[in-house]
């Protein structure tokens, strides 16, 4: 019984993360679409929302790399000092995507007019961040 409750809670958490990612993608798409008229389509908004949902669903909750060998001793190959690529990509990707969404919401709420350079930087930060999250999730799931 406890196992099924924990599984349900985990699935619920992941769907919550996906919804947060989709909402973040919507905010970035709304801001970018208001500045770059070529990206005002519903398809662009949908792509941004889907990429956010997939990125946040797959990339935030990645299982960490095991730092211990099979006998529960620190591994002799020095893996304690190594960087877990999935964890690093997930952290940086989440930061970039969340920063892009945060700035986009601020620009929308404060009704600011950003230069095209800054809008493009926000779009690129979002795309790189979400891509890093998706890659991190793929790496973590491939090794487990």
N, C-alpha and C. Protein backbone atom coordinates (compact mmCIF):
# COMPACT_ATOMS: atom_id res chain seq x y z
N UNK A 1 0.83 -1.19 0.00
CA UNK A 1 0.00 0.00 0.00
C UNK A 1 0.88 1.26 0.00
N UNK A 2 1.88 1.30 0.87
CA UNK A 2 2.74 2.47 0.95
C UNK A 2 3.48 2.68 -0.36
N UNK A 3 3.86 1.59 -0.99
CA UNK A 3 4.58 1.70 -2.25
C UNK A 3 3.72 2.36 -3.32
N UNK A 4 2.46 1.98 -3.40
CA UNK A 4 1.58 2.58 -4.42
C UNK A 4 1.30 4.05 -4.11
N UNK A 5 1.22 4.42 -2.85
CA UNK A 5 1.03 5.82 -2.48
C UNK A 5 2.27 6.63 -2.85
N UNK A 6 3.44 6.07 -2.59
CA UNK A 6 4.68 6.77 -2.95
C UNK A 6 4.80 6.93 -4.46
N UNK A 7 4.43 5.90 -5.22
CA UNK A 7 4.48 5.98 -6.67
C UNK A 7 3.51 7.04 -7.18
N UNK A 8 2.31 7.05 -6.61
CA UNK A 8 1.31 8.05 -7.01
C UNK A 8 1.81 9.46 -6.70
N UNK A 9 2.40 9.64 -5.52
CA UNK A 9 2.92 10.96 -5.13
C UNK A 9 4.04 11.39 -6.08
N UNK A 10 4.88 10.44 -6.47
CA UNK A 10 5.98 10.76 -7.39
C UNK A 10 5.45 11.16 -8.76
N UNK A 11 4.46 10.44 -9.25
CA UNK A 11 3.85 10.78 -10.55
C UNK A 11 3.17 12.14 -10.46
N UNK A 12 2.49 12.41 -9.36
CA UNK A 12 1.84 13.69 -9.16
C UNK A 12 2.86 14.83 -9.15
N UNK A 13 3.98 14.59 -8.48
CA UNK A 13 5.05 15.58 -8.44
C UNK A 13 5.61 15.85 -9.83
N UNK A 14 5.82 14.79 -10.60
CA UNK A 14 6.37 14.96 -11.94
C UNK A 14 5.41 15.72 -12.85
N UNK A 15 4.10 15.44 -12.72
CA UNK A 15 3.13 16.19 -13.52
C UNK A 15 3.09 17.66 -13.10
N UNK A 16 3.27 17.92 -11.82
CA UNK A 16 3.37 19.30 -11.35
C UNK A 16 4.57 20.01 -11.94
N UNK A 17 5.70 19.31 -11.99
CA UNK A 17 6.89 19.88 -12.63
C UNK A 17 6.65 20.15 -14.11
N UNK A 18 5.97 19.22 -14.77
CA UNK A 18 5.67 19.40 -16.20
C UNK A 18 4.77 20.62 -16.41
N UNK A 19 3.78 20.79 -15.54
CA UNK A 19 2.91 21.96 -15.66
C UNK A 19 3.66 23.25 -15.41
N UNK A 20 4.58 23.24 -14.44
CA UNK A 20 5.40 24.43 -14.18
C UNK A 20 6.28 24.74 -15.40
N UNK A 21 6.83 23.71 -16.02
CA UNK A 21 7.64 23.91 -17.22
C UNK A 21 6.81 24.45 -18.38
N UNK A 22 5.60 23.92 -18.54
CA UNK A 22 4.73 24.40 -19.61
C UNK A 22 4.34 25.86 -19.38
N UNK A 23 4.05 26.22 -18.13
CA UNK A 23 3.72 27.61 -17.82
C UNK A 23 4.91 28.52 -18.07
N UNK A 24 6.09 28.07 -17.71
CA UNK A 24 7.30 28.85 -17.97
C UNK A 24 7.51 29.05 -19.47
N UNK A 25 7.29 27.99 -20.22
CA UNK A 25 7.40 28.10 -21.68
C UNK A 25 6.37 29.07 -22.25
N UNK A 26 5.19 29.08 -21.68
CA UNK A 26 4.15 30.02 -22.12
C UNK A 26 4.58 31.47 -21.87
N UNK A 27 5.15 31.74 -20.71
CA UNK A 27 5.59 33.11 -20.41
C UNK A 27 6.72 33.55 -21.33
N UNK A 28 7.67 32.67 -21.58
CA UNK A 28 8.77 33.02 -22.48
C UNK A 28 8.23 33.23 -23.90
N UNK A 29 7.33 32.36 -24.34
CA UNK A 29 6.75 32.50 -25.68
C UNK A 29 5.94 33.78 -25.80
N UNK A 30 5.21 34.14 -24.75
CA UNK A 30 4.42 35.38 -24.79
C UNK A 30 5.33 36.60 -24.91
N UNK A 31 6.40 36.59 -24.14
CA UNK A 31 7.33 37.73 -24.22
C UNK A 31 8.03 37.78 -25.57
N UNK A 32 8.61 36.66 -25.99
CA UNK A 32 9.35 36.63 -27.25
C UNK A 32 8.42 36.94 -28.42
N UNK A 33 7.22 36.38 -28.41
CA UNK A 33 6.26 36.63 -29.48
C UNK A 33 5.81 38.07 -29.56
N UNK A 34 5.82 38.77 -28.43
CA UNK A 34 5.41 40.18 -28.45
C UNK A 34 6.50 41.08 -29.04
N UNK A 35 7.73 40.61 -29.04
CA UNK A 35 8.85 41.40 -29.58
C UNK A 35 9.21 40.97 -31.00
N UNK A 36 9.23 39.67 -31.24
CA UNK A 36 9.60 39.14 -32.56
C UNK A 36 8.32 38.67 -33.23
N UNK A 37 7.82 39.45 -34.16
CA UNK A 37 6.50 39.18 -34.76
C UNK A 37 6.45 37.85 -35.51
N UNK A 38 7.57 37.37 -36.00
CA UNK A 38 7.58 36.08 -36.72
C UNK A 38 7.29 34.91 -35.79
N UNK A 39 7.44 35.11 -34.48
CA UNK A 39 7.22 34.04 -33.50
C UNK A 39 5.94 34.26 -32.70
N UNK A 40 4.93 34.78 -33.34
CA UNK A 40 3.66 35.06 -32.66
C UNK A 40 2.64 33.95 -32.88
N UNK A 41 3.01 32.89 -33.52
CA UNK A 41 2.04 31.85 -33.87
C UNK A 41 1.70 30.95 -32.69
N UNK A 42 0.56 30.31 -32.82
CA UNK A 42 0.14 29.35 -31.81
C UNK A 42 1.07 28.14 -31.80
N UNK A 43 1.62 27.80 -32.95
CA UNK A 43 2.56 26.67 -33.03
C UNK A 43 3.80 26.95 -32.19
N UNK A 44 4.32 28.17 -32.27
CA UNK A 44 5.49 28.54 -31.47
C UNK A 44 5.18 28.43 -29.99
N UNK A 45 4.03 28.94 -29.58
CA UNK A 45 3.63 28.88 -28.18
C UNK A 45 3.51 27.43 -27.73
N UNK A 46 2.90 26.60 -28.55
CA UNK A 46 2.73 25.18 -28.22
C UNK A 46 4.07 24.46 -28.11
N UNK A 47 4.98 24.74 -29.04
CA UNK A 47 6.31 24.13 -29.00
C UNK A 47 7.06 24.54 -27.74
N UNK A 48 6.97 25.80 -27.37
CA UNK A 48 7.63 26.28 -26.16
C UNK A 48 7.04 25.63 -24.92
N UNK A 49 5.73 25.47 -24.88
CA UNK A 49 5.09 24.84 -23.73
C UNK A 49 5.43 23.36 -23.63
N UNK A 50 5.42 22.67 -24.76
CA UNK A 50 5.75 21.24 -24.76
C UNK A 50 7.22 21.03 -24.37
N UNK A 51 8.11 21.85 -24.91
CA UNK A 51 9.53 21.71 -24.56
C UNK A 51 9.74 21.98 -23.07
N UNK A 52 9.04 22.95 -22.53
CA UNK A 52 9.15 23.22 -21.09
C UNK A 52 8.61 22.08 -20.26
N UNK A 53 7.49 21.52 -20.67
CA UNK A 53 6.90 20.40 -19.93
C UNK A 53 7.83 19.19 -19.95
N UNK A 54 8.37 18.87 -21.11
CA UNK A 54 9.29 17.72 -21.22
C UNK A 54 10.57 17.97 -20.44
N UNK A 55 11.12 19.17 -20.58
CA UNK A 55 12.36 19.49 -19.88
C UNK A 55 12.22 19.43 -18.37
N UNK A 56 11.18 20.06 -17.84
CA UNK A 56 11.00 20.06 -16.40
C UNK A 56 10.59 18.69 -15.89
N UNK A 57 9.81 17.94 -16.66
CA UNK A 57 9.41 16.59 -16.25
C UNK A 57 10.61 15.66 -16.19
N UNK A 58 11.42 15.70 -17.23
CA UNK A 58 12.51 14.75 -17.35
C UNK A 58 13.79 15.21 -16.67
N UNK A 59 14.04 16.49 -16.65
CA UNK A 59 15.35 16.96 -16.23
C UNK A 59 15.50 17.37 -14.79
N UNK A 60 14.42 17.64 -14.07
CA UNK A 60 14.58 18.13 -12.71
C UNK A 60 14.77 16.99 -11.72
N UNK A 61 14.08 15.91 -11.91
CA UNK A 61 14.11 14.81 -10.94
C UNK A 61 14.99 13.68 -11.46
N UNK A 62 16.29 13.95 -11.61
CA UNK A 62 17.20 12.92 -12.13
C UNK A 62 17.82 12.14 -10.99
N UNK A 63 17.90 10.82 -11.13
CA UNK A 63 18.56 10.03 -10.08
C UNK A 63 20.06 10.34 -10.08
N UNK A 64 20.64 10.58 -8.89
CA UNK A 64 22.06 10.94 -8.83
C UNK A 64 22.97 9.76 -9.14
N UNK A 65 24.19 10.08 -9.52
CA UNK A 65 25.22 9.07 -9.78
C UNK A 65 25.65 8.45 -8.46
N UNK A 66 25.77 7.14 -8.43
CA UNK A 66 26.21 6.46 -7.21
C UNK A 66 27.69 6.75 -6.98
N UNK A 67 28.02 7.23 -5.80
CA UNK A 67 29.40 7.56 -5.48
C UNK A 67 30.09 6.44 -4.70
N UNK A 68 29.42 5.33 -4.51
CA UNK A 68 29.99 4.22 -3.76
C UNK A 68 30.04 2.99 -4.64
N UNK A 69 31.04 2.18 -4.38
CA UNK A 69 31.19 0.92 -5.10
C UNK A 69 30.17 -0.10 -4.63
N UNK A 70 30.23 -1.31 -5.15
CA UNK A 70 29.26 -2.33 -4.80
C UNK A 70 29.32 -2.75 -3.33
N UNK A 71 30.46 -2.58 -2.65
CA UNK A 71 30.57 -2.96 -1.24
C UNK A 71 30.33 -1.76 -0.30
N UNK A 72 29.70 -0.72 -0.81
CA UNK A 72 29.35 0.50 -0.06
C UNK A 72 30.56 1.27 0.44
N UNK A 73 31.71 1.04 -0.17
CA UNK A 73 32.91 1.81 0.13
C UNK A 73 33.09 2.83 -0.99
N UNK A 74 33.72 3.96 -0.69
CA UNK A 74 33.97 4.91 -1.77
C UNK A 74 34.73 4.23 -2.90
N UNK A 75 34.30 4.47 -4.12
CA UNK A 75 34.92 3.79 -5.25
C UNK A 75 36.37 4.22 -5.40
N UNK A 76 37.20 3.28 -5.78
CA UNK A 76 38.63 3.51 -5.87
C UNK A 76 39.06 4.29 -7.09
N UNK A 77 38.15 4.49 -8.02
CA UNK A 77 38.53 5.20 -9.25
C UNK A 77 38.42 6.71 -9.11
N UNK A 78 38.16 7.18 -7.90
CA UNK A 78 38.11 8.62 -7.68
C UNK A 78 36.81 9.26 -8.12
N UNK A 79 35.73 8.50 -8.21
CA UNK A 79 34.48 9.07 -8.71
C UNK A 79 33.88 10.09 -7.74
N UNK A 80 34.37 10.14 -6.51
CA UNK A 80 33.86 11.15 -5.58
C UNK A 80 34.25 12.53 -6.09
N UNK A 81 35.40 12.65 -6.70
CA UNK A 81 35.86 13.94 -7.18
C UNK A 81 35.30 14.28 -8.56
N UNK A 82 34.69 13.31 -9.24
CA UNK A 82 34.17 13.55 -10.59
C UNK A 82 32.85 14.31 -10.53
N UNK A 83 32.57 15.00 -11.59
CA UNK A 83 31.31 15.74 -11.70
C UNK A 83 30.29 14.83 -12.36
N UNK A 84 29.11 14.75 -11.77
CA UNK A 84 28.02 14.00 -12.36
C UNK A 84 27.42 14.85 -13.48
N UNK A 85 27.63 14.44 -14.73
CA UNK A 85 27.20 15.26 -15.86
C UNK A 85 25.69 15.48 -15.87
N UNK A 86 24.92 14.45 -15.54
CA UNK A 86 23.46 14.61 -15.53
C UNK A 86 23.03 15.61 -14.47
N UNK A 87 23.62 15.52 -13.30
CA UNK A 87 23.26 16.44 -12.22
C UNK A 87 23.66 17.88 -12.57
N UNK A 88 24.85 18.03 -13.16
CA UNK A 88 25.32 19.36 -13.56
C UNK A 88 24.44 19.95 -14.66
N UNK A 89 24.15 19.17 -15.70
CA UNK A 89 23.29 19.66 -16.78
C UNK A 89 21.90 20.01 -16.27
N UNK A 90 21.37 19.18 -15.36
CA UNK A 90 20.06 19.44 -14.79
C UNK A 90 20.04 20.74 -14.01
N UNK A 91 21.06 20.95 -13.19
CA UNK A 91 21.11 22.16 -12.36
C UNK A 91 21.25 23.42 -13.21
N UNK A 92 22.19 23.41 -14.14
CA UNK A 92 22.40 24.60 -14.98
C UNK A 92 21.21 24.82 -15.90
N UNK A 93 20.69 23.74 -16.47
CA UNK A 93 19.53 23.86 -17.34
C UNK A 93 18.30 24.40 -16.62
N UNK A 94 18.06 23.91 -15.42
CA UNK A 94 16.93 24.41 -14.64
C UNK A 94 17.11 25.88 -14.30
N UNK A 95 18.33 26.25 -13.94
CA UNK A 95 18.59 27.66 -13.64
C UNK A 95 18.34 28.54 -14.86
N UNK A 96 18.88 28.16 -16.01
CA UNK A 96 18.71 28.98 -17.22
C UNK A 96 17.25 29.09 -17.63
N UNK A 97 16.53 27.98 -17.62
CA UNK A 97 15.11 28.00 -18.02
C UNK A 97 14.29 28.82 -17.03
N UNK A 98 14.55 28.65 -15.74
CA UNK A 98 13.80 29.41 -14.74
C UNK A 98 14.13 30.90 -14.80
N UNK A 99 15.39 31.22 -15.05
CA UNK A 99 15.79 32.63 -15.18
C UNK A 99 15.11 33.27 -16.38
N UNK A 100 15.08 32.57 -17.50
CA UNK A 100 14.42 33.09 -18.69
C UNK A 100 12.93 33.32 -18.43
N UNK A 101 12.29 32.37 -17.75
CA UNK A 101 10.87 32.52 -17.43
C UNK A 101 10.65 33.68 -16.46
N UNK A 102 11.50 33.79 -15.45
CA UNK A 102 11.38 34.86 -14.46
C UNK A 102 11.51 36.23 -15.11
N UNK A 103 12.51 36.39 -15.96
CA UNK A 103 12.72 37.68 -16.64
C UNK A 103 11.55 37.96 -17.58
N UNK A 104 11.06 36.94 -18.27
CA UNK A 104 9.93 37.13 -19.17
C UNK A 104 8.69 37.60 -18.42
N UNK A 105 8.40 36.99 -17.30
CA UNK A 105 7.25 37.42 -16.49
C UNK A 105 7.44 38.86 -16.03
N UNK A 106 8.65 39.18 -15.58
CA UNK A 106 8.93 40.55 -15.15
C UNK A 106 8.72 41.56 -16.27
N UNK A 107 9.18 41.22 -17.46
CA UNK A 107 9.03 42.12 -18.61
C UNK A 107 7.54 42.29 -18.96
N UNK A 108 6.79 41.20 -18.90
CA UNK A 108 5.37 41.27 -19.22
C UNK A 108 4.62 42.09 -18.18
N UNK A 109 4.86 41.82 -16.91
CA UNK A 109 4.13 42.51 -15.84
C UNK A 109 4.50 44.00 -15.78
N UNK A 110 5.78 44.31 -15.94
CA UNK A 110 6.21 45.70 -15.88
C UNK A 110 6.05 46.44 -17.20
N UNK A 111 5.60 45.73 -18.23
CA UNK A 111 5.36 46.30 -19.57
C UNK A 111 6.58 47.02 -20.12
N UNK A 112 7.69 46.34 -19.98
CA UNK A 112 8.95 46.88 -20.49
C UNK A 112 9.11 46.54 -21.97
N UNK A 113 9.86 47.35 -22.68
CA UNK A 113 10.21 47.08 -24.07
C UNK A 113 11.70 46.80 -24.12
N UNK A 114 12.04 45.52 -24.20
CA UNK A 114 13.45 45.16 -24.26
C UNK A 114 13.96 45.25 -25.69
N UNK A 115 15.23 45.50 -25.80
CA UNK A 115 15.89 45.49 -27.10
C UNK A 115 15.85 44.06 -27.64
N UNK A 116 15.87 43.93 -28.95
CA UNK A 116 15.81 42.61 -29.59
C UNK A 116 16.95 41.71 -29.11
N UNK A 117 18.10 42.28 -28.79
CA UNK A 117 19.23 41.50 -28.29
C UNK A 117 18.85 40.77 -27.01
N UNK A 118 18.23 41.47 -26.06
CA UNK A 118 17.88 40.86 -24.77
C UNK A 118 16.77 39.83 -24.93
N UNK A 119 15.84 40.11 -25.82
CA UNK A 119 14.77 39.14 -26.08
C UNK A 119 15.35 37.86 -26.69
N UNK A 120 16.29 38.01 -27.61
CA UNK A 120 16.95 36.85 -28.20
C UNK A 120 17.76 36.10 -27.15
N UNK A 121 18.41 36.84 -26.25
CA UNK A 121 19.18 36.19 -25.17
C UNK A 121 18.25 35.39 -24.26
N UNK A 122 17.06 35.91 -23.98
CA UNK A 122 16.09 35.19 -23.15
C UNK A 122 15.64 33.92 -23.87
N UNK A 123 15.35 34.02 -25.15
CA UNK A 123 14.93 32.87 -25.92
C UNK A 123 16.04 31.81 -25.95
N UNK A 124 17.27 32.23 -26.19
CA UNK A 124 18.39 31.29 -26.22
C UNK A 124 18.64 30.65 -24.85
N UNK A 125 18.52 31.44 -23.78
CA UNK A 125 18.68 30.88 -22.44
C UNK A 125 17.62 29.82 -22.18
N UNK A 126 16.40 30.08 -22.61
CA UNK A 126 15.32 29.11 -22.44
C UNK A 126 15.61 27.83 -23.23
N UNK A 127 15.95 27.99 -24.50
CA UNK A 127 16.20 26.83 -25.35
C UNK A 127 17.39 26.00 -24.85
N UNK A 128 18.48 26.65 -24.48
CA UNK A 128 19.66 25.94 -23.98
C UNK A 128 19.32 25.26 -22.65
N UNK A 129 18.62 25.96 -21.77
CA UNK A 129 18.26 25.39 -20.47
C UNK A 129 17.38 24.17 -20.59
N UNK A 130 16.34 24.25 -21.39
CA UNK A 130 15.43 23.12 -21.55
C UNK A 130 16.15 21.95 -22.24
N UNK A 131 16.98 22.25 -23.21
CA UNK A 131 17.74 21.20 -23.88
C UNK A 131 18.68 20.50 -22.90
N UNK A 132 19.32 21.27 -22.03
CA UNK A 132 20.20 20.68 -21.02
C UNK A 132 19.41 19.79 -20.07
N UNK A 133 18.21 20.21 -19.70
CA UNK A 133 17.37 19.39 -18.83
C UNK A 133 17.00 18.07 -19.49
N UNK A 134 16.62 18.13 -20.75
CA UNK A 134 16.22 16.91 -21.46
C UNK A 134 17.42 15.95 -21.60
N UNK A 135 18.58 16.50 -21.93
CA UNK A 135 19.77 15.66 -22.05
C UNK A 135 20.14 15.05 -20.69
N UNK A 136 20.03 15.85 -19.62
CA UNK A 136 20.33 15.34 -18.27
C UNK A 136 19.41 14.20 -17.91
N UNK A 137 18.14 14.34 -18.20
CA UNK A 137 17.19 13.26 -17.91
C UNK A 137 17.50 12.01 -18.71
N UNK A 138 17.88 12.18 -19.97
CA UNK A 138 18.21 11.03 -20.81
C UNK A 138 19.46 10.32 -20.28
N UNK A 139 20.47 11.09 -19.88
CA UNK A 139 21.70 10.49 -19.34
C UNK A 139 21.40 9.73 -18.06
N UNK A 140 20.66 10.35 -17.17
CA UNK A 140 20.38 9.72 -15.87
C UNK A 140 19.55 8.45 -16.03
N UNK A 141 18.60 8.45 -16.93
CA UNK A 141 17.76 7.28 -17.11
C UNK A 141 18.49 6.17 -17.87
N UNK A 142 19.42 6.54 -18.73
CA UNK A 142 20.18 5.53 -19.48
C UNK A 142 21.12 4.74 -18.56
N UNK A 143 21.62 5.38 -17.54
CA UNK A 143 22.58 4.71 -16.66
C UNK A 143 21.91 3.97 -15.51
N UNK A 144 20.60 4.20 -15.30
CA UNK A 144 19.95 3.49 -14.18
C UNK A 144 19.14 2.32 -14.61
